[in-house]
Amino acid sequence: MLDSFPSLISTPLTGMPKFPRGQVLCGFGQMLVPLVVVGKTFVAMVVAVNAFYAWRIEIMYG
């Protein structure tokens, strides 16, 4: 009974069930993946915009 209990309460409907540590880490990992992807995309965009403006300024004033 105790072995099957964590899997029974691991549904999203129960709010914050008491997960085993492995499931908690898995959940955090799944939450972090989109954040990392968005962060990398944002950094890439900022770098591209900065490079583009630096290139335009060089052409205009260089």
Protein backbone atom coordinates (compact mmCIF):
# COMPACT_ATOMS: atom_id res chain seq x y z
CA MET A 1 0.00 0.00 0.00
CA LEU A 2 2.73 2.46 0.92
CA ASP A 3 4.65 1.71 -2.27
CA SER A 4 1.72 2.61 -4.51
CA PHE A 5 0.73 5.67 -2.45
CA PRO A 6 3.17 8.20 -4.02
CA SER A 7 2.10 7.21 -7.52
CA LEU A 8 -1.55 7.66 -6.55
CA ILE A 9 -1.05 11.19 -5.23
CA SER A 10 1.33 12.30 -7.98
CA THR A 11 -1.52 13.57 -10.16
CA PRO A 12 -1.56 17.32 -10.87
CA LEU A 13 -5.07 17.62 -9.42
CA THR A 14 -3.92 17.16 -5.83
CA GLY A 15 -1.92 20.40 -5.78
CA MET A 16 1.25 19.78 -3.78
CA PRO A 17 1.47 16.06 -2.94
CA LYS A 18 4.49 14.71 -1.09
CA PHE A 19 6.66 13.45 -3.92
CA PRO A 20 9.66 11.20 -3.52
CA ARG A 21 12.86 13.15 -4.07
CA GLY A 22 13.42 11.73 -7.56
CA GLN A 23 10.01 12.87 -8.75
CA VAL A 24 10.60 16.34 -7.29
CA LEU A 25 13.88 16.66 -9.19
CA CYS A 26 12.16 15.43 -12.34
CA GLY A 27 9.45 18.04 -11.90
CA PHE A 28 11.97 20.83 -11.40
CA GLY A 29 13.88 19.60 -14.43
CA GLN A 30 10.76 19.69 -16.57
CA MET A 31 10.02 23.24 -15.37
CA LEU A 32 13.59 24.40 -15.99
CA VAL A 33 13.83 23.12 -19.56
CA PRO A 34 11.45 25.74 -21.05
CA LEU A 35 13.10 28.47 -18.95
CA VAL A 36 16.55 27.50 -20.22
CA VAL A 37 15.30 27.40 -23.81
CA VAL A 38 13.64 30.81 -23.47
CA GLY A 39 16.74 32.20 -21.75
CA LYS A 40 19.05 30.94 -24.48
CA THR A 41 16.74 32.32 -27.17
CA PHE A 42 16.60 35.69 -25.41
CA VAL A 43 20.39 35.86 -25.06
CA ALA A 44 20.82 34.91 -28.71
CA MET A 45 18.37 37.64 -29.74
CA VAL A 46 20.13 40.26 -27.61
CA VAL A 47 23.52 39.28 -29.03
CA ALA A 48 22.16 39.38 -32.58
CA VAL A 49 20.55 42.79 -32.06
CA ASN A 50 23.71 44.20 -30.50
CA ALA A 51 25.84 42.83 -33.33
CA PHE A 52 23.42 44.25 -35.89
CA TYR A 53 23.44 47.73 -34.33
CA ALA A 54 27.22 47.70 -33.92
CA TRP A 55 27.52 46.72 -37.60
CA ARG A 56 25.15 49.53 -38.69
CA ILE A 57 26.92 52.13 -36.55
CA GLU A 58 30.26 51.06 -38.01
CA ILE A 59 28.90 51.49 -41.52
CA MET A 60 27.26 54.86 -40.78
CA TYR A 61 30.11 56.41 -38.80
CA GLY A 62 33.09 54.27 -39.76
